Amino acid sequence: MSEITASPLSWPPQHPRTQDSDKVYGRFGKKSTSGYGMDSLTIAQGVSRIMVQIAAYTRIGQQRRIEPDNVIISSNLQLRADGLLRSNQKTPQDTGVAVYFTLDDKERCIPCDNYIRVADNLAAVAATLEALRTIERHGSNMFDAVFTGFTGLPSPEQVSKTTWRDVLDYWGDSLDQCKKIHRKLSSKTHPDRGGDPHEFQRIQTAWQQAQEALK
């Protein structure tokens, strides 16, 4: 799962984005002894729900089907130095999330940006994981067919034909000059400044490729 980061958001290019005007408030309330209430779900609880569903794909005493240490929950939330989510942070402009994992040796990704709150998008991914387990219990052929839509990485036909030169719009041979262009584009597209997280990620990937090519 190279070039996939927990922050900023690494959105799978084969999945379309939800327009801001189409996003809604979720109904994923906190769970209590009496069921689900309407109190707002926290981000930590959303992450916890995902990890509970990840663990549920393996029956007790059997080899893990999903290795939890390799799960990447990608979003525009800021991380602490230890890689965990920073608490009490401002809601990012792009509240989408994408959960990357390997299930039965196949790379998968479940993204969600349908909701206005990050926590609700996390809870929606958890609910999707649970629904897929239900499908698997009632018909493995259906499970495989449905999960095809959650491929973690694009197929060769889906991979963009553009090169790092196309992304950075630089055709020279000077690494220093390319670096200046990279800095300008990074500043323009950085999510903290209202830029597009997906475009920011493309620029970072292109810069890594440029350094290898021009060094």
N, C-alpha and C. Protein backbone atom coordinates (compact mmCIF):
# COMPACT_ATOMS: atom_id res chain seq x y z
N MET A 1 0.84 -1.19 0.00
CA MET A 1 0.00 0.00 0.00
C MET A 1 0.88 1.25 0.00
N SER A 2 1.77 1.36 -0.97
CA SER A 2 2.67 2.49 -1.04
C SER A 2 1.91 3.76 -1.37
N GLU A 3 2.47 4.88 -0.91
CA GLU A 3 1.94 6.21 -1.20
C GLU A 3 0.56 6.44 -0.58
N ILE A 4 0.18 5.64 0.38
CA ILE A 4 -1.07 5.84 1.10
C ILE A 4 -0.73 6.37 2.48
N THR A 5 -1.30 7.50 2.86
CA THR A 5 -0.97 8.12 4.14
C THR A 5 -2.21 8.21 5.02
N ALA A 6 -1.96 8.17 6.34
CA ALA A 6 -3.05 8.37 7.29
C ALA A 6 -3.51 9.82 7.28
N SER A 7 -2.59 10.74 6.98
CA SER A 7 -2.90 12.16 6.86
C SER A 7 -1.83 12.82 6.00
N PRO A 8 -2.22 13.57 4.97
CA PRO A 8 -3.57 13.91 4.56
C PRO A 8 -4.30 12.74 3.91
N LEU A 9 -5.57 12.96 3.60
CA LEU A 9 -6.42 11.93 3.05
C LEU A 9 -5.88 11.40 1.73
N SER A 10 -5.74 10.08 1.64
CA SER A 10 -5.40 9.40 0.39
C SER A 10 -6.70 8.80 -0.16
N TRP A 11 -7.36 9.53 -1.02
CA TRP A 11 -8.63 9.06 -1.57
C TRP A 11 -8.37 8.16 -2.77
N PRO A 12 -9.00 6.98 -2.84
CA PRO A 12 -8.79 6.08 -3.98
C PRO A 12 -9.28 6.72 -5.27
N PRO A 13 -8.41 6.86 -6.26
CA PRO A 13 -8.78 7.61 -7.48
C PRO A 13 -9.92 7.00 -8.26
N GLN A 14 -10.19 5.70 -8.08
CA GLN A 14 -11.25 5.07 -8.85
C GLN A 14 -12.64 5.33 -8.27
N HIS A 15 -12.71 5.98 -7.12
CA HIS A 15 -14.00 6.27 -6.49
C HIS A 15 -14.33 7.76 -6.64
N PRO A 16 -15.52 8.09 -7.15
CA PRO A 16 -15.91 9.50 -7.28
C PRO A 16 -16.13 10.15 -5.93
N ARG A 17 -15.98 11.47 -5.87
CA ARG A 17 -16.19 12.21 -4.63
C ARG A 17 -17.63 12.70 -4.54
N THR A 18 -18.10 12.90 -3.31
CA THR A 18 -19.42 13.46 -3.05
C THR A 18 -19.33 14.98 -3.01
N GLN A 19 -20.18 15.65 -3.74
CA GLN A 19 -20.19 17.10 -3.73
C GLN A 19 -20.63 17.61 -2.36
N ASP A 20 -20.06 18.75 -1.95
CA ASP A 20 -20.40 19.31 -0.63
C ASP A 20 -21.90 19.53 -0.48
N SER A 21 -22.55 19.93 -1.57
CA SER A 21 -23.99 20.22 -1.51
C SER A 21 -24.82 18.96 -1.28
N ASP A 22 -24.23 17.79 -1.53
CA ASP A 22 -24.97 16.53 -1.37
C ASP A 22 -24.68 15.85 -0.04
N LYS A 23 -23.77 16.38 0.76
CA LYS A 23 -23.42 15.76 2.03
C LYS A 23 -24.51 16.04 3.07
N VAL A 24 -24.71 15.10 3.98
CA VAL A 24 -25.77 15.22 4.98
C VAL A 24 -25.21 14.90 6.36
N TYR A 25 -26.01 15.19 7.37
CA TYR A 25 -25.65 14.81 8.73
C TYR A 25 -26.01 13.34 8.94
N GLY A 26 -25.11 12.61 9.58
CA GLY A 26 -25.35 11.18 9.81
C GLY A 26 -26.24 10.95 11.01
N ARG A 27 -26.69 9.72 11.13
CA ARG A 27 -27.54 9.32 12.25
C ARG A 27 -26.86 8.24 13.08
N PHE A 28 -25.53 8.32 13.16
CA PHE A 28 -24.76 7.33 13.91
C PHE A 28 -24.55 7.85 15.33
N GLY A 29 -25.51 7.56 16.20
CA GLY A 29 -25.41 8.03 17.58
C GLY A 29 -24.55 7.12 18.43
N LYS A 30 -24.26 7.55 19.64
CA LYS A 30 -23.51 6.74 20.58
C LYS A 30 -24.34 5.54 21.02
N LYS A 31 -23.67 4.43 21.28
CA LYS A 31 -24.36 3.22 21.71
C LYS A 31 -24.41 3.15 23.23
N SER A 32 -25.57 2.83 23.76
CA SER A 32 -25.73 2.68 25.20
C SER A 32 -26.40 1.33 25.47
N THR A 33 -26.69 1.06 26.71
CA THR A 33 -27.33 -0.21 27.06
C THR A 33 -28.73 -0.32 26.46
N SER A 34 -29.31 0.82 26.13
CA SER A 34 -30.66 0.81 25.57
C SER A 34 -30.65 0.90 24.04
N GLY A 35 -29.45 0.84 23.44
CA GLY A 35 -29.38 0.92 21.98
C GLY A 35 -28.58 2.14 21.54
N TYR A 36 -28.86 2.63 20.34
CA TYR A 36 -28.16 3.80 19.80
C TYR A 36 -28.97 5.05 20.08
N GLY A 37 -28.31 6.02 20.73
CA GLY A 37 -28.96 7.29 20.99
C GLY A 37 -28.60 8.31 19.93
N MET A 38 -29.03 9.54 20.11
CA MET A 38 -28.78 10.58 19.12
C MET A 38 -27.64 11.50 19.52
N ASP A 39 -26.94 11.20 20.63
CA ASP A 39 -25.78 12.00 20.97
C ASP A 39 -24.72 11.83 19.90
N SER A 40 -23.99 12.90 19.58
CA SER A 40 -23.01 12.87 18.51
C SER A 40 -21.92 11.85 18.79
N LEU A 41 -21.62 11.07 17.77
CA LEU A 41 -20.55 10.10 17.85
C LEU A 41 -19.21 10.83 17.79
N THR A 42 -18.23 10.37 18.56
CA THR A 42 -16.91 10.98 18.52
C THR A 42 -16.04 10.27 17.49
N ILE A 43 -14.95 10.91 17.10
CA ILE A 43 -14.03 10.32 16.15
C ILE A 43 -13.43 9.05 16.72
N ALA A 44 -13.05 9.08 17.99
CA ALA A 44 -12.46 7.90 18.62
C ALA A 44 -13.43 6.72 18.59
N GLN A 45 -14.71 6.99 18.81
CA GLN A 45 -15.71 5.93 18.77
C GLN A 45 -15.89 5.40 17.35
N GLY A 46 -15.80 6.30 16.36
CA GLY A 46 -15.90 5.87 14.97
C GLY A 46 -14.75 4.95 14.60
N VAL A 47 -13.52 5.31 15.00
CA VAL A 47 -12.36 4.46 14.75
C VAL A 47 -12.51 3.12 15.46
N SER A 48 -12.99 3.16 16.70
CA SER A 48 -13.18 1.93 17.47
C SER A 48 -14.15 0.99 16.78
N ARG A 49 -15.23 1.53 16.22
CA ARG A 49 -16.20 0.69 15.52
C ARG A 49 -15.55 -0.01 14.33
N ILE A 50 -14.71 0.71 13.61
CA ILE A 50 -14.02 0.12 12.46
C ILE A 50 -13.14 -1.04 12.91
N MET A 51 -12.36 -0.84 13.96
CA MET A 51 -11.44 -1.87 14.42
C MET A 51 -12.17 -3.08 14.98
N VAL A 52 -13.33 -2.86 15.57
CA VAL A 52 -14.15 -3.98 16.05
C VAL A 52 -14.60 -4.84 14.87
N GLN A 53 -15.01 -4.20 13.79
CA GLN A 53 -15.45 -4.95 12.61
C GLN A 53 -14.28 -5.64 11.92
N ILE A 54 -13.12 -4.97 11.90
CA ILE A 54 -11.92 -5.58 11.33
C ILE A 54 -11.61 -6.90 12.06
N ALA A 55 -11.65 -6.84 13.39
CA ALA A 55 -11.36 -8.03 14.20
C ALA A 55 -12.40 -9.12 13.99
N ALA A 56 -13.64 -8.74 13.72
CA ALA A 56 -14.72 -9.72 13.59
C ALA A 56 -14.60 -10.58 12.33
N TYR A 57 -13.76 -10.18 11.37
CA TYR A 57 -13.59 -10.99 10.17
C TYR A 57 -12.82 -12.27 10.45
N THR A 58 -12.20 -12.37 11.62
CA THR A 58 -11.47 -13.57 12.00
C THR A 58 -12.18 -14.27 13.16
N ARG A 59 -12.46 -15.54 13.01
CA ARG A 59 -13.07 -16.30 14.10
C ARG A 59 -12.00 -16.61 15.16
N ILE A 60 -12.44 -16.68 16.38
CA ILE A 60 -11.53 -16.93 17.50
C ILE A 60 -10.75 -18.23 17.28
N GLY A 61 -9.43 -18.14 17.45
CA GLY A 61 -8.59 -19.32 17.31
C GLY A 61 -8.08 -19.56 15.90
N GLN A 62 -8.51 -18.74 14.94
CA GLN A 62 -8.06 -18.91 13.56
C GLN A 62 -7.08 -17.80 13.18
N GLN A 63 -6.35 -18.02 12.08
CA GLN A 63 -5.40 -17.03 11.60
C GLN A 63 -6.15 -15.79 11.13
N ARG A 64 -5.57 -14.63 11.43
CA ARG A 64 -6.23 -13.37 11.08
C ARG A 64 -6.41 -13.21 9.58
N ARG A 65 -7.60 -12.82 9.20
CA ARG A 65 -7.87 -12.53 7.79
C ARG A 65 -7.48 -11.10 7.45
N ILE A 66 -7.53 -10.21 8.46
CA ILE A 66 -7.10 -8.83 8.30
C ILE A 66 -6.12 -8.54 9.43
N GLU A 67 -4.91 -8.12 9.09
CA GLU A 67 -3.93 -7.78 10.10
C GLU A 67 -4.18 -6.34 10.58
N PRO A 68 -4.63 -6.16 11.83
CA PRO A 68 -5.02 -4.81 12.29
C PRO A 68 -3.88 -3.81 12.27
N ASP A 69 -2.66 -4.26 12.44
CA ASP A 69 -1.53 -3.32 12.44
C ASP A 69 -1.27 -2.73 11.06
N ASN A 70 -1.81 -3.36 10.02
CA ASN A 70 -1.60 -2.87 8.66
C ASN A 70 -2.79 -2.06 8.13
N VAL A 71 -3.79 -1.85 8.96
CA VAL A 71 -4.95 -1.05 8.56
C VAL A 71 -4.56 0.43 8.56
N ILE A 72 -4.89 1.13 7.48
CA ILE A 72 -4.64 2.57 7.39
C ILE A 72 -5.98 3.29 7.32
N ILE A 73 -6.26 4.10 8.33
CA ILE A 73 -7.46 4.94 8.32
C ILE A 73 -7.02 6.33 7.90
N SER A 74 -7.29 6.65 6.65
CA SER A 74 -6.79 7.89 6.05
C SER A 74 -7.84 9.00 6.10
N SER A 75 -7.42 10.19 6.52
CA SER A 75 -8.32 11.34 6.59
C SER A 75 -7.47 12.61 6.61
N ASN A 76 -8.13 13.74 6.69
CA ASN A 76 -7.41 15.01 6.81
C ASN A 76 -7.29 15.46 8.26
N LEU A 77 -7.55 14.57 9.19
CA LEU A 77 -7.33 14.88 10.60
C LEU A 77 -5.83 14.90 10.88
N GLN A 78 -5.41 15.77 11.77
CA GLN A 78 -4.00 15.88 12.12
C GLN A 78 -3.60 14.76 13.07
N LEU A 79 -2.35 14.32 12.93
CA LEU A 79 -1.83 13.24 13.75
C LEU A 79 -0.82 13.74 14.77
N ARG A 80 -0.70 13.03 15.86
CA ARG A 80 0.34 13.32 16.84
C ARG A 80 1.66 12.73 16.35
N ALA A 81 2.73 13.01 17.07
CA ALA A 81 4.05 12.50 16.70
C ALA A 81 4.09 10.97 16.69
N ASP A 82 3.24 10.34 17.54
CA ASP A 82 3.23 8.88 17.61
C ASP A 82 2.30 8.25 16.57
N GLY A 83 1.71 9.08 15.70
CA GLY A 83 0.86 8.57 14.64
C GLY A 83 -0.60 8.46 14.99
N LEU A 84 -0.97 8.69 16.26
CA LEU A 84 -2.37 8.64 16.67
C LEU A 84 -3.05 9.96 16.38
N LEU A 85 -4.38 9.93 16.34
CA LEU A 85 -5.13 11.15 16.04
C LEU A 85 -4.99 12.17 17.16
N ARG A 86 -4.79 13.42 16.78
CA ARG A 86 -4.70 14.50 17.76
C ARG A 86 -6.11 14.84 18.24
N SER A 87 -6.27 15.02 19.56
CA SER A 87 -7.59 15.29 20.12
C SER A 87 -7.93 16.78 20.03
N ASN A 88 -9.22 17.07 20.12
CA ASN A 88 -9.72 18.46 20.16
C ASN A 88 -9.22 19.29 19.00
N GLN A 89 -9.27 18.73 17.79
CA GLN A 89 -8.83 19.49 16.63
C GLN A 89 -10.03 19.98 15.82
N LYS A 90 -9.78 20.99 15.01
CA LYS A 90 -10.84 21.57 14.19
C LYS A 90 -11.23 20.62 13.06
N THR A 91 -12.51 20.60 12.73
CA THR A 91 -12.99 19.75 11.65
C THR A 91 -12.38 20.19 10.33
N PRO A 92 -11.75 19.27 9.58
CA PRO A 92 -11.15 19.66 8.30
C PRO A 92 -12.21 20.00 7.27
N GLN A 93 -11.81 20.74 6.26
CA GLN A 93 -12.76 21.12 5.21
C GLN A 93 -13.27 19.89 4.47
N ASP A 94 -12.39 18.95 4.20
CA ASP A 94 -12.77 17.69 3.56
C ASP A 94 -12.88 16.64 4.65
N THR A 95 -14.10 16.19 4.92
CA THR A 95 -14.34 15.26 6.04
C THR A 95 -14.35 13.80 5.60
N GLY A 96 -13.93 13.53 4.38
CA GLY A 96 -13.92 12.17 3.88
C GLY A 96 -12.90 11.28 4.59
N VAL A 97 -13.13 9.99 4.57
CA VAL A 97 -12.19 9.01 5.12
C VAL A 97 -12.07 7.86 4.13
N ALA A 98 -10.94 7.18 4.18
CA ALA A 98 -10.74 5.99 3.36
C ALA A 98 -9.98 4.97 4.20
N VAL A 99 -10.52 3.78 4.33
CA VAL A 99 -9.90 2.75 5.17
C VAL A 99 -9.29 1.68 4.26
N TYR A 100 -7.96 1.55 4.35
CA TYR A 100 -7.22 0.59 3.53
C TYR A 100 -6.83 -0.61 4.40
N PHE A 101 -6.96 -1.81 3.83
CA PHE A 101 -6.59 -3.02 4.55
C PHE A 101 -6.42 -4.16 3.55
N THR A 102 -5.83 -5.25 4.02
CA THR A 102 -5.66 -6.44 3.18
C THR A 102 -6.51 -7.56 3.77
N LEU A 103 -7.48 -8.04 3.00
CA LEU A 103 -8.38 -9.10 3.42
C LEU A 103 -8.10 -10.35 2.58
N ASP A 104 -7.71 -11.43 3.22
CA ASP A 104 -7.41 -12.67 2.52
C ASP A 104 -6.40 -12.42 1.39
N ASP A 105 -5.36 -11.64 1.71
CA ASP A 105 -4.26 -11.33 0.79
C ASP A 105 -4.66 -10.46 -0.39
N LYS A 106 -5.81 -9.82 -0.31
CA LYS A 106 -6.25 -8.91 -1.37
C LYS A 106 -6.39 -7.50 -0.78
N GLU A 107 -5.79 -6.52 -1.47
CA GLU A 107 -5.84 -5.14 -0.98
C GLU A 107 -7.23 -4.55 -1.22
N ARG A 108 -7.79 -3.96 -0.17
CA ARG A 108 -9.13 -3.40 -0.24
C ARG A 108 -9.14 -1.97 0.31
N CYS A 109 -10.14 -1.24 -0.08
CA CYS A 109 -10.34 0.11 0.46
C CYS A 109 -11.82 0.43 0.49
N ILE A 110 -12.29 0.92 1.63
CA ILE A 110 -13.68 1.38 1.75
C ILE A 110 -13.64 2.86 2.07
N PRO A 111 -14.01 3.72 1.12
CA PRO A 111 -14.03 5.15 1.36
C PRO A 111 -15.44 5.65 1.67
N CYS A 112 -15.53 6.79 2.33
CA CYS A 112 -16.85 7.41 2.57
C CYS A 112 -16.67 8.90 2.78
N ASP A 113 -17.42 9.68 2.04
CA ASP A 113 -17.45 11.13 2.25
C ASP A 113 -18.88 11.66 2.12
N ASN A 114 -19.84 10.79 2.45
CA ASN A 114 -21.26 11.16 2.31
C ASN A 114 -21.74 12.11 3.39
N TYR A 115 -20.98 12.19 4.50
CA TYR A 115 -21.49 12.90 5.66
C TYR A 115 -20.64 14.14 6.00
N ILE A 116 -21.26 15.06 6.69
CA ILE A 116 -20.63 16.34 7.02
C ILE A 116 -19.58 16.17 8.10
N ARG A 117 -19.74 15.16 8.98
CA ARG A 117 -18.81 14.95 10.08
C ARG A 117 -17.89 13.76 9.80
N VAL A 118 -16.62 13.90 10.17
CA VAL A 118 -15.66 12.81 10.00
C VAL A 118 -16.11 11.57 10.76
N ALA A 119 -16.58 11.74 11.98
CA ALA A 119 -16.99 10.61 12.81
C ALA A 119 -18.10 9.80 12.14
N ASP A 120 -19.02 10.47 11.48
CA ASP A 120 -20.11 9.76 10.80
C ASP A 120 -19.59 8.99 9.59
N ASN A 121 -18.62 9.54 8.88
CA ASN A 121 -18.03 8.80 7.77
C ASN A 121 -17.29 7.57 8.26
N LEU A 122 -16.62 7.68 9.40
CA LEU A 122 -15.96 6.52 10.01
C LEU A 122 -16.99 5.46 10.38
N ALA A 123 -18.07 5.89 11.00
CA ALA A 123 -19.12 4.95 11.41
C ALA A 123 -19.76 4.28 10.20
N ALA A 124 -19.87 5.01 9.09
CA ALA A 124 -20.45 4.44 7.87
C ALA A 124 -19.56 3.34 7.31
N VAL A 125 -18.25 3.53 7.38
CA VAL A 125 -17.32 2.49 6.93
C VAL A 125 -17.48 1.25 7.80
N ALA A 126 -17.58 1.46 9.12
CA ALA A 126 -17.77 0.33 10.04
C ALA A 126 -19.06 -0.41 9.72
N ALA A 127 -20.12 0.34 9.44
CA ALA A 127 -21.40 -0.29 9.11
C ALA A 127 -21.30 -1.07 7.80
N THR A 128 -20.53 -0.56 6.86
CA THR A 128 -20.33 -1.27 5.58
C THR A 128 -19.58 -2.57 5.80
N LEU A 129 -18.54 -2.53 6.63
CA LEU A 129 -17.79 -3.75 6.95
C LEU A 129 -18.70 -4.80 7.59
N GLU A 130 -19.58 -4.35 8.47
CA GLU A 130 -20.51 -5.27 9.12
C GLU A 130 -21.49 -5.86 8.11
N ALA A 131 -21.99 -5.01 7.20
CA ALA A 131 -22.94 -5.49 6.20
C ALA A 131 -22.29 -6.50 5.26
N LEU A 132 -21.03 -6.29 4.92
CA LEU A 132 -20.32 -7.23 4.05
C LEU A 132 -20.12 -8.58 4.73
N ARG A 133 -19.89 -8.56 6.04
CA ARG A 133 -19.77 -9.83 6.78
C ARG A 133 -21.09 -10.59 6.73
N THR A 134 -22.20 -9.87 6.81
CA THR A 134 -23.51 -10.50 6.73
C THR A 134 -23.72 -11.13 5.37
N ILE A 135 -23.30 -10.43 4.31
CA ILE A 135 -23.41 -10.98 2.96
C ILE A 135 -22.59 -12.26 2.83
N GLU A 136 -21.38 -12.23 3.41
CA GLU A 136 -20.51 -13.41 3.33
C GLU A 136 -21.15 -14.62 4.01
N ARG A 137 -21.81 -14.39 5.14
CA ARG A 137 -22.43 -15.51 5.86
C ARG A 137 -23.54 -16.16 5.06
N HIS A 138 -24.18 -15.38 4.18
CA HIS A 138 -25.34 -15.89 3.44
C HIS A 138 -25.03 -16.24 2.00
N GLY A 139 -23.78 -16.07 1.58
CA GLY A 139 -23.43 -16.44 0.21
C GLY A 139 -22.08 -15.91 -0.19
N SER A 140 -21.07 -16.77 -0.22
CA SER A 140 -19.71 -16.33 -0.49
C SER A 140 -19.55 -15.75 -1.88
N ASN A 141 -20.29 -16.28 -2.86
CA ASN A 141 -20.18 -15.76 -4.21
C ASN A 141 -20.62 -14.30 -4.27
N MET A 142 -21.68 -13.99 -3.55
CA MET A 142 -22.15 -12.60 -3.50
C MET A 142 -21.10 -11.72 -2.83
N PHE A 143 -20.45 -12.24 -1.80
CA PHE A 143 -19.44 -11.48 -1.07
C PHE A 143 -18.30 -11.08 -1.99
N ASP A 144 -17.79 -12.02 -2.74
CA ASP A 144 -16.69 -11.73 -3.65
C ASP A 144 -17.08 -10.70 -4.70
N ALA A 145 -18.31 -10.81 -5.20
CA ALA A 145 -18.77 -9.88 -6.24
C ALA A 145 -18.90 -8.47 -5.69
N VAL A 146 -19.48 -8.36 -4.49
CA VAL A 146 -19.67 -7.04 -3.89
C VAL A 146 -18.34 -6.41 -3.53
N PHE A 147 -17.41 -7.19 -2.98
CA PHE A 147 -16.14 -6.65 -2.54
C PHE A 147 -15.25 -6.21 -3.69
N THR A 148 -15.55 -6.65 -4.91
CA THR A 148 -14.78 -6.22 -6.06
C THR A 148 -14.82 -4.70 -6.20
N GLY A 149 -15.91 -4.11 -5.77
CA GLY A 149 -16.04 -2.66 -5.84
C GLY A 149 -15.20 -1.91 -4.83
N PHE A 150 -14.55 -2.63 -3.91
CA PHE A 150 -13.74 -2.00 -2.89
C PHE A 150 -12.27 -2.35 -3.06
N THR A 151 -11.82 -2.52 -4.30
CA THR A 151 -10.42 -2.79 -4.56
C THR A 151 -9.57 -1.66 -4.02
N GLY A 152 -8.50 -2.02 -3.32
CA GLY A 152 -7.69 -1.00 -2.65
C GLY A 152 -6.89 -0.13 -3.58
N LEU A 153 -6.42 -0.70 -4.70
CA LEU A 153 -5.61 0.05 -5.63
C LEU A 153 -6.25 -0.05 -7.01
N PRO A 154 -6.12 0.98 -7.86
CA PRO A 154 -6.73 0.94 -9.18
C PRO A 154 -6.09 -0.12 -10.07
N SER A 155 -6.89 -0.66 -10.97
CA SER A 155 -6.37 -1.62 -11.94
C SER A 155 -5.48 -0.89 -12.93
N PRO A 156 -4.68 -1.63 -13.73
CA PRO A 156 -3.83 -0.97 -14.71
C PRO A 156 -4.60 -0.07 -15.66
N GLU A 157 -5.85 -0.44 -15.99
CA GLU A 157 -6.65 0.40 -16.89
C GLU A 157 -7.06 1.70 -16.23
N GLN A 158 -7.09 1.71 -14.89
CA GLN A 158 -7.53 2.90 -14.16
C GLN A 158 -6.38 3.82 -13.80
N VAL A 159 -5.15 3.33 -13.89
CA VAL A 159 -4.02 4.15 -13.50
C VAL A 159 -3.85 5.30 -14.48
N SER A 160 -3.68 6.47 -13.96
CA SER A 160 -3.51 7.63 -14.81
C SER A 160 -2.25 7.50 -15.66
N LYS A 161 -2.34 7.92 -16.91
CA LYS A 161 -1.22 7.86 -17.82
C LYS A 161 -0.29 9.06 -17.65
N THR A 162 -0.63 10.00 -16.81
CA THR A 162 0.20 11.18 -16.64
C THR A 162 1.47 10.83 -15.87
N THR A 163 2.55 11.57 -16.15
CA THR A 163 3.82 11.39 -15.47
C THR A 163 4.01 12.51 -14.46
N TRP A 164 5.10 12.44 -13.71
CA TRP A 164 5.39 13.48 -12.74
C TRP A 164 5.60 14.82 -13.44
N ARG A 165 6.11 14.79 -14.65
CA ARG A 165 6.29 16.04 -15.41
C ARG A 165 4.95 16.69 -15.74
N ASP A 166 3.95 15.85 -16.07
CA ASP A 166 2.62 16.39 -16.36
C ASP A 166 2.01 17.04 -15.11
N VAL A 167 2.17 16.37 -13.97
CA VAL A 167 1.58 16.87 -12.72
C VAL A 167 2.24 18.18 -12.29
N LEU A 168 3.57 18.22 -12.35
CA LEU A 168 4.30 19.42 -11.92
C LEU A 168 4.45 20.45 -13.03
N ASP A 169 4.11 20.05 -14.25
CA ASP A 169 4.24 20.93 -15.42
C ASP A 169 5.67 21.47 -15.52
N TYR A 170 6.62 20.58 -15.41
CA TYR A 170 8.03 20.95 -15.51
C TYR A 170 8.74 19.99 -16.46
N TRP A 171 9.48 20.56 -17.44
CA TRP A 171 10.08 19.73 -18.49
C TRP A 171 11.58 19.91 -18.57
N GLY A 172 12.16 20.60 -17.58
CA GLY A 172 13.59 20.80 -17.56
C GLY A 172 14.33 19.71 -16.82
N ASP A 173 15.63 19.98 -16.51
CA ASP A 173 16.47 18.99 -15.86
C ASP A 173 17.08 19.49 -14.56
N SER A 174 16.58 20.63 -14.05
CA SER A 174 17.13 21.21 -12.82
C SER A 174 16.29 20.78 -11.62
N LEU A 175 16.90 20.07 -10.68
CA LEU A 175 16.18 19.63 -9.48
C LEU A 175 15.79 20.83 -8.63
N ASP A 176 16.68 21.85 -8.56
CA ASP A 176 16.37 23.04 -7.76
C ASP A 176 15.16 23.79 -8.32
N GLN A 177 15.09 23.92 -9.63
CA GLN A 177 13.95 24.60 -10.25
C GLN A 177 12.67 23.81 -10.05
N CYS A 178 12.78 22.49 -10.14
CA CYS A 178 11.62 21.63 -9.93
C CYS A 178 11.14 21.74 -8.49
N LYS A 179 12.08 21.87 -7.57
CA LYS A 179 11.74 22.00 -6.16
C LYS A 179 10.93 23.27 -5.90
N LYS A 180 11.28 24.36 -6.58
CA LYS A 180 10.55 25.62 -6.43
C LYS A 180 9.10 25.45 -6.90
N ILE A 181 8.94 24.75 -8.02
CA ILE A 181 7.60 24.53 -8.55
C ILE A 181 6.79 23.66 -7.59
N HIS A 182 7.46 22.65 -7.04
CA HIS A 182 6.79 21.76 -6.09
C HIS A 182 6.32 22.53 -4.87
N ARG A 183 7.15 23.41 -4.33
CA ARG A 183 6.78 24.20 -3.17
C ARG A 183 5.57 25.09 -3.46
N LYS A 184 5.56 25.71 -4.62
CA LYS A 184 4.47 26.59 -5.00
C LYS A 184 3.16 25.82 -5.12
N LEU A 185 3.20 24.67 -5.78
CA LEU A 185 1.99 23.87 -5.94
C LEU A 185 1.53 23.29 -4.61
N SER A 186 2.47 22.90 -3.76
CA SER A 186 2.11 22.34 -2.45
C SER A 186 1.41 23.38 -1.60
N SER A 187 1.92 24.60 -1.63
CA SER A 187 1.31 25.68 -0.86
C SER A 187 -0.10 25.98 -1.35
N LYS A 188 -0.29 25.91 -2.66
CA LYS A 188 -1.58 26.23 -3.27
C LYS A 188 -2.63 25.17 -2.98
N THR A 189 -2.21 23.89 -2.91
CA THR A 189 -3.17 22.80 -2.77
C THR A 189 -3.23 22.19 -1.38
N HIS A 190 -2.46 22.71 -0.43
CA HIS A 190 -2.42 22.12 0.91
C HIS A 190 -3.80 22.16 1.56
N PRO A 191 -4.26 21.05 2.12
CA PRO A 191 -5.60 21.00 2.74
C PRO A 191 -5.80 22.03 3.85
N ASP A 192 -4.75 22.34 4.61
CA ASP A 192 -4.88 23.31 5.68
C ASP A 192 -5.14 24.72 5.17
N ARG A 193 -4.92 24.93 3.88
CA ARG A 193 -5.16 26.24 3.26
C ARG A 193 -6.34 26.20 2.31
N GLY A 194 -7.16 25.19 2.47
CA GLY A 194 -8.37 25.09 1.66
C GLY A 194 -8.18 24.41 0.32
N GLY A 195 -7.01 23.77 0.11
CA GLY A 195 -6.75 23.10 -1.16
C GLY A 195 -7.38 21.73 -1.25
N ASP A 196 -7.25 21.13 -2.40
CA ASP A 196 -7.80 19.80 -2.66
C ASP A 196 -6.83 18.74 -2.15
N PRO A 197 -7.21 17.94 -1.16
CA PRO A 197 -6.30 16.93 -0.59
C PRO A 197 -5.81 15.92 -1.63
N HIS A 198 -6.70 15.53 -2.54
CA HIS A 198 -6.30 14.55 -3.56
C HIS A 198 -5.24 15.14 -4.48
N GLU A 199 -5.41 16.38 -4.89
CA GLU A 199 -4.42 17.03 -5.76
C GLU A 199 -3.11 17.23 -5.01
N PHE A 200 -3.20 17.55 -3.71
CA PHE A 200 -2.01 17.70 -2.89
C PHE A 200 -1.23 16.39 -2.84
N GLN A 201 -1.95 15.28 -2.71
CA GLN A 201 -1.29 13.97 -2.66
C GLN A 201 -0.63 13.65 -3.99
N ARG A 202 -1.27 13.99 -5.10
CA ARG A 202 -0.70 13.76 -6.43
C ARG A 202 0.61 14.52 -6.59
N ILE A 203 0.63 15.75 -6.07
CA ILE A 203 1.82 16.58 -6.19
C ILE A 203 2.97 16.01 -5.37
N GLN A 204 2.66 15.50 -4.18
CA GLN A 204 3.72 14.91 -3.34
C GLN A 204 4.30 13.65 -4.00
N THR A 205 3.42 12.85 -4.58
CA THR A 205 3.89 11.65 -5.27
C THR A 205 4.75 12.02 -6.47
N ALA A 206 4.31 13.03 -7.23
CA ALA A 206 5.07 13.48 -8.40
C ALA A 206 6.43 14.01 -7.99
N TRP A 207 6.50 14.72 -6.86
CA TRP A 207 7.77 15.27 -6.39
C TRP A 207 8.74 14.15 -6.00
N GLN A 208 8.24 13.11 -5.38
CA GLN A 208 9.09 11.97 -5.03
C GLN A 208 9.66 11.33 -6.28
N GLN A 209 8.83 11.21 -7.32
CA GLN A 209 9.30 10.64 -8.58
C GLN A 209 10.29 11.55 -9.27
N ALA A 210 10.06 12.87 -9.16
CA ALA A 210 10.96 13.83 -9.79
C ALA A 210 12.35 13.77 -9.15
N GLN A 211 12.38 13.63 -7.83
CA GLN A 211 13.68 13.56 -7.16
C GLN A 211 14.47 12.34 -7.62
N GLU A 212 13.79 11.23 -7.81
CA GLU A 212 14.48 10.03 -8.28
C GLU A 212 14.99 10.22 -9.70
N ALA A 213 14.22 10.93 -10.51
CA ALA A 213 14.58 11.10 -11.92
C ALA A 213 15.68 12.14 -12.14
N LEU A 214 15.70 13.17 -11.29
CA LEU A 214 16.60 14.31 -11.52
C LEU A 214 17.82 14.32 -10.62
N LYS A 215 17.88 13.46 -9.61
CA LYS A 215 19.01 13.52 -8.69
C LYS A 215 20.31 13.13 -9.37
